[in-house]
Protein backbone atom coordinates (compact mmCIF):
# COMPACT_ATOMS: atom_id res chain seq x y z
CA UNK A 1 -2.20 -19.84 16.40
CA UNK A 2 -4.08 -18.69 13.36
CA UNK A 3 -5.57 -15.36 12.39
CA UNK A 4 -2.60 -13.36 14.02
CA UNK A 5 -0.77 -10.80 11.93
CA UNK A 6 -0.52 -7.21 11.27
CA UNK A 7 -3.04 -5.17 9.15
CA UNK A 8 -2.50 -1.62 8.26
CA UNK A 9 -4.45 0.68 5.92
CA UNK A 10 -3.14 3.67 3.79
CA UNK A 11 -5.92 6.18 3.27
CA UNK A 12 -5.32 8.23 -0.05
CA UNK A 13 -7.16 11.43 0.20
CA UNK A 14 -6.68 14.97 -0.67
CA UNK A 15 -4.86 16.67 2.07
CA UNK A 16 -7.02 19.95 2.06
CA UNK A 17 -10.51 18.67 1.10
CA UNK A 18 -10.40 15.04 2.31
CA UNK A 19 -11.79 13.79 -0.95
CA UNK A 20 -10.73 10.34 -2.08
CA UNK A 21 -8.07 10.30 -4.66
CA UNK A 22 -8.92 7.84 -7.50
CA UNK A 23 -5.38 6.38 -7.73
CA UNK A 24 -5.64 3.26 -5.69
CA UNK A 25 -6.03 0.83 -8.48
CA UNK A 26 -3.08 2.50 -10.31
CA UNK A 27 -1.00 2.08 -7.11
CA UNK A 28 -1.80 -1.45 -6.62
CA UNK A 29 -1.01 -2.34 -10.16
CA UNK A 30 2.35 -0.64 -10.15
CA UNK A 31 3.14 -2.24 -6.87
CA UNK A 32 2.23 -5.71 -8.24
CA UNK A 33 4.45 -4.93 -11.32
CA UNK A 34 7.38 -4.45 -8.94
CA UNK A 35 6.53 -7.49 -6.91
CA UNK A 36 4.64 -6.16 -3.96
CA UNK A 37 0.92 -7.21 -3.27
CA UNK A 38 -1.16 -4.37 -1.95
CA UNK A 39 -4.90 -4.64 -1.75
CA UNK A 40 -7.30 -1.92 -2.82
CA UNK A 41 -10.02 -2.15 -0.03
CA UNK A 42 -12.20 0.85 -0.66
CA UNK A 43 -12.43 4.13 -2.49
CA UNK A 44 -9.39 5.52 -1.09
CA UNK A 45 -7.73 2.76 0.99
CA UNK A 46 -4.95 0.35 0.67
CA UNK A 47 -4.56 -2.67 2.82
CA UNK A 48 -0.98 -3.76 3.81
CA UNK A 49 -0.78 -7.10 5.56
CA UNK A 50 2.97 -8.12 5.93
CA UNK A 51 3.59 -11.28 8.11
CA UNK A 52 4.71 -10.89 11.66
CA UNK A 53 7.81 -12.92 10.85
CA UNK A 54 8.88 -10.23 8.29
CA UNK A 55 12.46 -9.12 8.39
CA UNK A 56 13.38 -5.56 8.76
CA UNK A 57 15.27 -5.64 5.40
CA UNK A 58 12.07 -7.03 3.50
CA UNK A 59 9.88 -4.49 5.37
CA UNK A 60 12.06 -1.65 4.19
CA UNK A 61 12.12 -3.10 0.71
CA UNK A 62 8.28 -3.21 0.47
CA UNK A 63 8.05 0.38 1.83
CA UNK A 64 10.44 1.44 -0.72
CA UNK A 65 8.44 -0.20 -3.56
CA UNK A 66 5.19 1.30 -2.10
CA UNK A 67 6.81 4.73 -2.13
CA UNK A 68 8.16 4.51 -5.68
CA UNK A 69 4.80 3.28 -6.94
CA UNK A 70 3.03 6.22 -5.01
CA UNK A 71 5.49 8.70 -6.59
CA UNK A 72 5.12 7.40 -10.06
CA UNK A 73 1.35 7.30 -10.01
CA UNK A 74 0.98 10.74 -8.58
CA UNK A 75 3.56 12.31 -11.01
């Protein structure tokens, strides 16, 4: 079967105003430097597309990298 998988988007916008945060590119670059591929797909969105066969350990590792990258970029 082709074309089957998980796709999620992470929207990065100001919590009060809803304005897009101009940090997507920085988050993508920081993730890539740490071994995680995240795609910038709009003004304020990041696309996450793990394979359906991903292990729980790999998923948690990827989420940890994403969290660290977000914290580093925002800081």
